[in-house]
């Protein structure tokens, strides 16, 4: 690339965030994406007339990426949850479908609750605050933001922050109309306008010899590329199920499993463009223990569907299943925080970005904040004046 050039490996949300940030600062940028399409896990796959998000689904408007995208006109049409659908939020608790969670769980959302400690596990801390029933329900509710089979075993501070963000009223979660690829497409077009060169189907087997390099891939891919075995962090293992169903009045909007961690959501409730007319798109995520077979999680998903979507088997028009292992974002064990994850700055002009590195935030916010930091450090190394990162 030369003295004022930055190479970015990976054209997902983190890589495009880094590319835009560096280009706005005046650096020349080349992005190499191994696949034929951009987006990484932020892709939206079109299967027939269905559009399914592969990774992130919601944009939290309380996060830094919301403001950054909005300032640049990159948010595009955004859907929120219609009030009527919000009233169709259901909970599996005690084997039955309920309209409200245990009251004790809600106590953990009060302002007066003490700040959860980093060094203790969430479950034991929460039991002291609200009792066992509320603590276990709260831990399982956070599966929507953790993709982990045992959230209660993770750092109390880590889980409690995500509980508050996921349960906040009014909801922080908003949904890009047409899926996350619509955001990726706008980001890519903006990067092109700034002069970023984007090369797809371009897999680099080794690092370029000159200029700063931002590795914006999965942590596994970064570990192989950099030959650095220390690039590891805890993540989740989750079975994913996508369904197309003929529409039926009265279906639940969300079923949150408070008996076992799991989440089923009807995404056409807020975005009708995701499925054909007269049909609805259902997506579920069921975290798995390390040695648990995928079939066990799919069976749990079907039990949730039986409760919230009666007659779903007779209405089924399309189905897909997948397994996400170690690629669902970082989770912090007791005694660790985001600061303990693999550092963004690897030395010698090499920087990491992605959802498992040392950057704060919830879900896709980690990719964003690490992308901005990596680009800021890379442009600083070049001596390029940082123009605009807010």
Protein backbone atom coordinates (compact mmCIF):
# COMPACT_ATOMS: atom_id res chain seq x y z
CA UNK A 1 0.00 0.00 0.00
CA UNK A 2 2.82 2.42 0.69
CA UNK A 3 3.39 5.01 3.37
CA UNK A 4 -0.16 6.38 3.59
CA UNK A 5 -2.05 3.15 2.87
CA UNK A 6 -3.95 0.74 5.13
CA UNK A 7 -4.87 -2.83 4.27
CA UNK A 8 -8.03 -4.26 5.84
CA UNK A 9 -8.60 -8.00 5.77
CA UNK A 10 -12.32 -8.72 6.11
CA UNK A 11 -15.29 -6.86 4.68
CA UNK A 12 -17.80 -7.39 7.47
CA UNK A 13 -19.27 -4.78 9.81
CA UNK A 14 -15.94 -4.28 11.64
CA UNK A 15 -13.90 -4.08 8.45
CA UNK A 16 -16.22 -1.59 6.74
CA UNK A 17 -16.39 0.53 9.90
CA UNK A 18 -12.58 0.62 9.96
CA UNK A 19 -12.39 1.39 6.24
CA UNK A 20 -14.76 4.35 6.48
CA UNK A 21 -13.06 5.71 9.59
CA UNK A 22 -9.59 5.49 8.03
CA UNK A 23 -10.72 6.94 4.69
CA UNK A 24 -12.41 9.88 6.40
CA UNK A 25 -9.07 10.58 8.07
CA UNK A 26 -7.38 10.83 4.68
CA UNK A 27 -5.74 7.40 4.41
CA UNK A 28 -5.76 5.26 1.29
CA UNK A 29 -7.57 2.01 2.08
CA UNK A 30 -7.89 -1.38 0.42
CA UNK A 31 -10.35 -3.98 1.78
CA UNK A 32 -9.85 -7.67 0.98
CA UNK A 33 -12.92 -9.86 1.48
CA UNK A 34 -12.51 -13.61 1.00
CA UNK A 35 -16.15 -14.17 -0.01
CA UNK A 36 -17.95 -12.91 -3.09
CA UNK A 37 -20.20 -10.69 -0.97
CA UNK A 38 -19.49 -8.27 1.85
CA UNK A 39 -20.96 -8.37 5.34
CA UNK A 40 -19.40 -11.32 7.16
CA UNK A 41 -21.94 -12.49 9.72
CA UNK A 42 -23.93 -9.33 9.03
CA UNK A 43 -25.09 -10.78 5.72
CA UNK A 44 -28.74 -11.25 4.90
CA UNK A 45 -29.33 -14.42 2.88
CA UNK A 46 -32.12 -14.54 0.31
CA UNK A 47 -33.55 -18.06 0.05
CA UNK A 48 -36.43 -17.99 -2.37
CA UNK A 49 -38.62 -15.18 -1.09
CA UNK A 50 -37.24 -15.25 2.47
CA UNK A 51 -34.56 -12.93 3.83
CA UNK A 52 -32.75 -14.23 6.88
CA UNK A 53 -30.06 -12.48 8.89
CA UNK A 54 -27.03 -14.69 9.43
CA UNK A 55 -25.66 -12.88 12.50
CA UNK A 56 -26.89 -9.63 14.04
CA UNK A 57 -30.60 -8.96 13.84
CA UNK A 58 -31.25 -5.80 15.85
CA UNK A 59 -29.56 -2.43 16.12
CA UNK A 60 -29.59 -1.09 19.68
CA UNK A 61 -30.25 2.65 19.53
CA UNK A 62 -28.40 3.15 22.82
CA UNK A 63 -25.12 2.05 21.27
CA UNK A 64 -22.37 4.16 19.66
CA UNK A 65 -22.81 2.62 16.23
CA UNK A 66 -26.37 3.95 15.98
CA UNK A 67 -25.18 7.57 16.23
CA UNK A 68 -22.23 6.95 13.90
CA UNK A 69 -24.39 5.36 11.21
CA UNK A 70 -27.09 8.01 11.55
CA UNK A 71 -24.62 10.90 11.20
CA UNK A 72 -23.44 9.46 7.89
CA UNK A 73 -26.92 8.68 6.54
CA UNK A 74 -26.21 4.94 6.65
CA UNK A 75 -29.04 3.74 8.89
CA UNK A 76 -31.70 3.74 6.20
CA UNK A 77 -35.28 2.63 6.96
CA UNK A 78 -35.51 1.24 10.48
CA UNK A 79 -38.43 -0.70 11.96
CA UNK A 80 -39.40 -0.76 15.60
CA UNK A 81 -41.71 -3.22 17.32
CA UNK A 82 -45.39 -2.27 16.82
CA UNK A 83 -47.13 -1.81 20.20
CA UNK A 84 -49.68 -4.53 19.43
CA UNK A 85 -46.90 -7.02 18.73
CA UNK A 86 -45.10 -6.02 21.91
CA UNK A 87 -48.18 -7.22 23.78
CA UNK A 88 -47.60 -10.69 22.26
CA UNK A 89 -44.32 -11.21 24.10
CA UNK A 90 -44.53 -14.56 25.88
CA UNK A 91 -42.39 -16.48 28.38
CA UNK A 92 -42.04 -20.19 28.93
CA UNK A 93 -41.82 -20.61 32.68
CA UNK A 94 -42.66 -23.67 34.72
CA UNK A 95 -43.45 -25.53 31.50
CA UNK A 96 -46.29 -23.16 30.57
CA UNK A 97 -46.64 -20.11 28.33
CA UNK A 98 -47.03 -16.93 30.37
CA UNK A 99 -47.58 -13.27 29.62
CA UNK A 100 -45.19 -11.95 32.26
CA UNK A 101 -41.86 -13.11 33.71
CA UNK A 102 -41.40 -13.74 37.45
CA UNK A 103 -41.66 -10.47 39.35
CA UNK A 104 -38.38 -11.25 41.12
CA UNK A 105 -36.58 -11.18 37.75
CA UNK A 106 -37.83 -7.64 37.14
CA UNK A 107 -36.31 -6.50 40.43
CA UNK A 108 -32.88 -6.87 38.86
CA UNK A 109 -33.79 -4.07 36.44
CA UNK A 110 -34.43 -1.50 39.17
CA UNK A 111 -32.09 1.47 39.39
CA UNK A 112 -31.39 0.81 43.05
CA UNK A 113 -29.81 -2.61 42.44
CA UNK A 114 -26.11 -2.54 43.28
CA UNK A 115 -23.59 -2.71 40.46
CA UNK A 116 -22.88 -6.36 39.74
CA UNK A 117 -19.32 -7.48 40.50
CA UNK A 118 -16.92 -8.58 37.80
CA UNK A 119 -15.32 -11.36 39.83
CA UNK A 120 -18.50 -13.31 40.73
CA UNK A 121 -20.75 -15.44 38.57
CA UNK A 122 -24.11 -13.90 37.72
CA UNK A 123 -26.30 -16.62 39.20
CA UNK A 124 -24.85 -16.64 42.72
CA UNK A 125 -24.86 -12.83 42.84
CA UNK A 126 -28.42 -12.56 41.49
CA UNK A 127 -29.72 -15.19 43.94
CA UNK A 128 -28.59 -12.92 46.78
CA UNK A 129 -30.43 -10.00 45.19
CA UNK A 130 -33.79 -11.55 44.22
CA UNK A 131 -33.85 -15.26 45.10
CA UNK A 132 -33.27 -18.33 43.00
CA UNK A 133 -36.39 -18.25 40.79
CA UNK A 134 -35.83 -14.68 39.62
CA UNK A 135 -32.08 -15.18 39.25
CA UNK A 136 -32.42 -18.27 37.04
CA UNK A 137 -35.12 -16.66 34.91
CA UNK A 138 -33.01 -13.53 34.42
CA UNK A 139 -29.96 -15.57 33.42
CA UNK A 140 -31.91 -17.52 30.82
CA UNK A 141 -33.61 -14.40 29.48
CA UNK A 142 -30.19 -12.94 28.57
CA UNK A 143 -29.62 -15.80 26.12
CA UNK A 144 -30.99 -13.46 23.44
CA UNK A 145 -27.86 -11.31 23.81
CA UNK A 146 -25.34 -14.01 24.79
CA UNK A 147 -25.94 -17.20 22.73
CA UNK A 148 -24.57 -19.13 25.70
CA UNK A 149 -26.08 -22.23 27.32
CA UNK A 150 -25.30 -21.16 30.91
CA UNK A 151 -25.37 -17.35 31.28
CA UNK A 152 -25.51 -17.73 35.07
CA UNK A 153 -21.93 -19.00 35.05
CA UNK A 154 -20.57 -15.86 33.37
CA UNK A 155 -19.34 -12.65 34.99
CA UNK A 156 -22.14 -10.94 36.92
CA UNK A 157 -21.19 -7.49 35.57
CA UNK A 158 -21.15 -8.78 32.00
CA UNK A 159 -24.55 -10.50 32.18
CA UNK A 160 -26.29 -7.79 34.20
CA UNK A 161 -25.37 -5.11 31.65
CA UNK A 162 -26.87 -7.19 28.85
CA UNK A 163 -29.96 -7.96 30.88
CA UNK A 164 -30.61 -4.26 31.35
CA UNK A 165 -30.02 -3.46 27.68
CA UNK A 166 -32.18 -6.35 26.40
CA UNK A 167 -35.08 -5.63 28.77
CA UNK A 168 -35.05 -1.83 28.61
CA UNK A 169 -38.35 0.00 28.02
CA UNK A 170 -38.96 1.45 25.54
CA UNK A 171 -36.92 -1.19 23.71
CA UNK A 172 -33.50 -0.26 22.39
CA UNK A 173 -33.76 -2.91 19.67
CA UNK A 174 -34.60 -1.64 16.18
CA UNK A 175 -34.47 -3.54 12.89
CA UNK A 176 -32.98 -2.52 9.51
CA UNK A 177 -35.77 -2.94 6.96
CA UNK A 178 -34.79 -5.63 4.48
CA UNK A 179 -32.22 -7.12 6.83
CA UNK A 180 -28.71 -6.21 7.89
CA UNK A 181 -27.37 -6.42 4.35
CA UNK A 182 -29.17 -3.15 3.62
CA UNK A 183 -26.89 -1.44 6.17
CA UNK A 184 -23.82 -3.23 4.77
CA UNK A 185 -24.72 -2.12 1.24
CA UNK A 186 -24.96 1.53 2.31
CA UNK A 187 -21.68 1.28 4.21
CA UNK A 188 -19.94 -0.24 1.17
CA UNK A 189 -21.30 2.47 -1.14
CA UNK A 190 -20.13 5.17 1.29
CA UNK A 191 -16.69 3.56 1.47
CA UNK A 192 -16.48 3.57 -2.36
CA UNK A 193 -17.42 7.26 -2.40
CA UNK A 194 -14.55 7.93 0.01
CA UNK A 195 -12.12 6.22 -2.35
CA UNK A 196 -11.83 2.87 -0.56
CA UNK A 197 -10.88 0.04 -2.91
CA UNK A 198 -12.88 -3.09 -2.11
CA UNK A 199 -11.79 -6.44 -3.52
CA UNK A 200 -14.14 -9.38 -3.03
CA UNK A 201 -13.20 -13.04 -3.56
CA UNK A 202 -9.75 -11.92 -2.38
CA UNK A 203 -8.39 -14.27 0.27
CA UNK A 204 -4.97 -13.30 1.65
CA UNK A 205 -2.85 -16.22 2.87
CA UNK A 206 -0.28 -13.92 4.46
CA UNK A 207 0.03 -10.34 5.62
CA UNK A 208 1.20 -7.63 3.21
CA UNK A 209 4.72 -6.43 3.86
CA UNK A 210 4.10 -2.67 3.98
CA UNK A 211 1.68 -0.36 5.69
CA UNK A 212 -0.58 -0.95 8.71
CA UNK A 213 -2.89 -3.94 8.51
CA UNK A 214 -6.29 -4.32 10.19
CA UNK A 215 -7.39 -7.94 10.54
CA UNK A 216 -11.19 -7.76 10.75
CA UNK A 217 -12.00 -11.45 10.61
CA UNK A 218 -13.22 -14.03 13.09
CA UNK A 219 -10.78 -14.66 15.92
CA UNK A 220 -10.14 -18.18 14.59
CA UNK A 221 -9.20 -16.83 11.16
CA UNK A 222 -7.02 -14.12 12.72
CA UNK A 223 -5.23 -16.75 14.83
CA UNK A 224 -4.37 -18.79 11.73
CA UNK A 225 -3.36 -15.77 9.64
CA UNK A 226 -1.14 -14.25 12.32
CA UNK A 227 0.16 -17.56 13.66
CA UNK A 228 -0.69 -16.38 17.17
CA UNK A 229 -2.18 -19.11 19.35
CA UNK A 230 -3.06 -16.59 22.09
CA UNK A 231 -5.92 -15.24 19.98
CA UNK A 232 -8.64 -17.16 21.77
CA UNK A 233 -11.70 -16.18 23.78
CA UNK A 234 -14.83 -17.82 25.11
CA UNK A 235 -17.87 -17.74 22.82
CA UNK A 236 -21.16 -19.59 22.53
CA UNK A 237 -22.51 -22.59 20.64
CA UNK A 238 -26.02 -22.13 19.35
CA UNK A 239 -28.49 -24.01 17.17
CA UNK A 240 -30.32 -21.74 14.73
CA UNK A 241 -33.68 -22.52 13.18
CA UNK A 242 -35.46 -20.49 10.48
CA UNK A 243 -39.06 -21.19 9.49
CA UNK A 244 -41.55 -19.88 6.97
CA UNK A 245 -45.14 -20.28 8.18
CA UNK A 246 -48.48 -19.35 6.72
CA UNK A 247 -49.82 -16.44 8.72
CA UNK A 248 -52.18 -17.11 11.58
CA UNK A 249 -53.74 -14.46 13.79
CA UNK A 250 -52.80 -14.76 17.42
CA UNK A 251 -49.27 -16.10 17.03
CA UNK A 252 -46.76 -14.93 19.61
CA UNK A 253 -44.26 -12.26 18.68
CA UNK A 254 -41.49 -13.62 20.92
CA UNK A 255 -41.22 -16.70 23.12
CA UNK A 256 -38.39 -16.40 25.66
CA UNK A 257 -37.55 -19.66 27.41
CA UNK A 258 -36.99 -19.06 31.12
CA UNK A 259 -36.85 -22.79 31.89
CA UNK A 260 -33.94 -23.40 29.50
CA UNK A 261 -32.05 -20.71 27.60
CA UNK A 262 -33.68 -20.11 24.22
CA UNK A 263 -35.45 -17.51 22.08
CA UNK A 264 -37.98 -17.65 19.21
CA UNK A 265 -38.97 -14.45 17.35
CA UNK A 266 -41.39 -13.64 14.51
CA UNK A 267 -39.37 -11.11 12.53
CA UNK A 268 -42.10 -10.27 10.04
CA UNK A 269 -43.92 -8.62 12.95
CA UNK A 270 -41.74 -5.55 12.39
CA UNK A 271 -40.58 -6.08 8.78
CA UNK A 272 -43.02 -7.58 6.30
CA UNK A 273 -40.37 -7.59 3.53
CA UNK A 274 -38.65 -10.66 4.98
CA UNK A 275 -41.24 -13.20 3.76
CA UNK A 276 -43.80 -13.61 0.95
CA UNK A 277 -47.25 -12.13 1.30
CA UNK A 278 -49.43 -14.24 3.61
CA UNK A 279 -46.44 -15.82 5.31
CA UNK A 280 -44.24 -14.99 8.28
CA UNK A 281 -40.58 -15.57 9.07
CA UNK A 282 -39.72 -17.16 12.42
CA UNK A 283 -36.13 -17.37 13.63
CA UNK A 284 -34.94 -19.13 16.77
CA UNK A 285 -31.69 -19.47 18.67
CA UNK A 286 -31.18 -22.26 21.19
CA UNK A 287 -27.81 -22.31 23.03
CA UNK A 288 -26.11 -25.68 23.37
CA UNK A 289 -23.78 -27.07 26.00
CA UNK A 290 -20.34 -28.03 24.60
CA UNK A 291 -21.17 -31.75 24.12
CA UNK A 292 -24.92 -31.42 23.54
CA UNK A 293 -26.12 -32.60 20.09
CA UNK A 294 -27.82 -30.14 17.79
CA UNK A 295 -30.89 -32.38 17.67
CA UNK A 296 -31.51 -31.73 21.37
CA UNK A 297 -31.62 -27.99 20.79
CA UNK A 298 -33.92 -28.34 17.78
CA UNK A 299 -36.28 -30.43 19.93
CA UNK A 300 -36.32 -27.60 22.51
CA UNK A 301 -37.05 -25.09 19.75
CA UNK A 302 -39.98 -27.18 18.57
CA UNK A 303 -41.40 -27.25 22.11
CA UNK A 304 -41.31 -23.45 22.15
CA UNK A 305 -42.98 -23.36 18.75
CA UNK A 306 -45.73 -25.70 20.01
CA UNK A 307 -46.46 -23.21 22.80
CA UNK A 308 -46.29 -19.95 20.87
CA UNK A 309 -47.28 -20.97 17.33
CA UNK A 310 -50.06 -23.59 17.51
CA UNK A 311 -50.38 -25.73 14.39
CA UNK A 312 -47.04 -24.54 13.05
CA UNK A 313 -46.21 -27.92 11.48
CA UNK A 314 -49.31 -27.80 9.26
CA UNK A 315 -48.49 -24.23 8.24
CA UNK A 316 -44.80 -24.82 7.46
CA UNK A 317 -43.65 -23.63 4.01
CA UNK A 318 -39.87 -23.50 4.47
CA UNK A 319 -37.32 -24.60 7.04
CA UNK A 320 -33.58 -24.28 7.59
CA UNK A 321 -31.29 -25.28 10.47
CA UNK A 322 -27.68 -24.37 11.26
CA UNK A 323 -25.13 -24.48 14.05
CA UNK A 324 -23.10 -21.44 15.14
CA UNK A 325 -20.07 -22.63 17.12
CA UNK A 326 -17.58 -20.14 18.54
CA UNK A 327 -18.78 -17.30 16.31
CA UNK A 328 -21.52 -15.67 18.35
CA UNK A 329 -19.48 -12.94 20.03
CA UNK A 330 -17.36 -12.82 23.16
CA UNK A 331 -18.58 -13.82 26.61
CA UNK A 332 -16.69 -12.94 29.78
CA UNK A 333 -16.13 -15.46 32.56
CA UNK A 334 -16.02 -14.34 36.22
CA UNK A 335 -12.97 -12.20 36.87
CA UNK A 336 -12.67 -11.00 33.27
CA UNK A 337 -13.97 -8.01 31.30
CA UNK A 338 -13.73 -6.82 27.71
CA UNK A 339 -10.33 -5.35 28.58
CA UNK A 340 -8.95 -8.89 29.03
CA UNK A 341 -9.87 -10.04 25.53
CA UNK A 342 -7.22 -10.09 22.75
CA UNK A 343 -5.91 -6.54 22.33
CA UNK A 344 -6.72 -4.48 19.25
CA UNK A 345 -3.10 -3.35 18.91
CA UNK A 346 -0.91 -6.41 18.19
CA UNK A 347 2.25 -4.39 17.60
CA UNK A 348 4.29 -3.80 14.41
CA UNK A 349 1.36 -2.04 12.73
CA UNK A 350 -1.08 -4.96 13.04
CA UNK A 351 -4.53 -4.35 14.54
CA UNK A 352 -7.53 -6.57 15.29
CA UNK A 353 -11.22 -5.75 14.86
CA UNK A 354 -14.24 -7.96 15.44
CA UNK A 355 -16.74 -9.13 18.03
CA UNK A 356 -14.31 -11.01 20.30
CA UNK A 357 -11.55 -8.45 20.85
CA UNK A 358 -10.83 -5.91 23.58
CA UNK A 359 -13.55 -3.38 22.91
CA UNK A 360 -16.69 -2.50 24.90
CA UNK A 361 -20.28 -2.88 23.81
CA UNK A 362 -23.12 -5.35 23.28
CA UNK A 363 -23.23 -7.69 20.28
CA UNK A 364 -22.37 -5.78 17.05
CA UNK A 365 -21.26 -2.76 19.10
CA UNK A 366 -18.02 -4.63 19.87
CA UNK A 367 -17.26 -4.98 16.16
CA UNK A 368 -17.97 -1.30 15.66
CA UNK A 369 -15.90 0.07 18.53
CA UNK A 370 -12.95 -2.17 17.69
CA UNK A 371 -13.16 -1.13 14.03
CA UNK A 372 -13.03 2.55 14.96
CA UNK A 373 -10.15 1.99 17.39
CA UNK A 374 -8.15 -0.09 14.91
CA UNK A 375 -8.56 2.56 12.19
CA UNK A 376 -7.67 5.37 14.59
CA UNK A 377 -4.47 3.58 15.67
CA UNK A 378 -3.55 2.71 12.08
CA UNK A 379 -3.98 6.26 10.80
CA UNK A 380 -2.05 7.58 13.77
CA UNK A 381 0.81 5.24 12.89
CA UNK A 382 0.80 6.64 9.36
CA UNK A 383 0.81 10.18 10.72
CA UNK A 384 -2.53 10.90 9.05
CA UNK A 385 -4.60 13.46 10.92
CA UNK A 386 -7.82 11.97 12.27
CA UNK A 387 -10.65 14.06 10.83
CA UNK A 388 -13.90 12.52 11.97
CA UNK A 389 -14.66 9.52 14.17
CA UNK A 390 -17.65 10.72 16.22
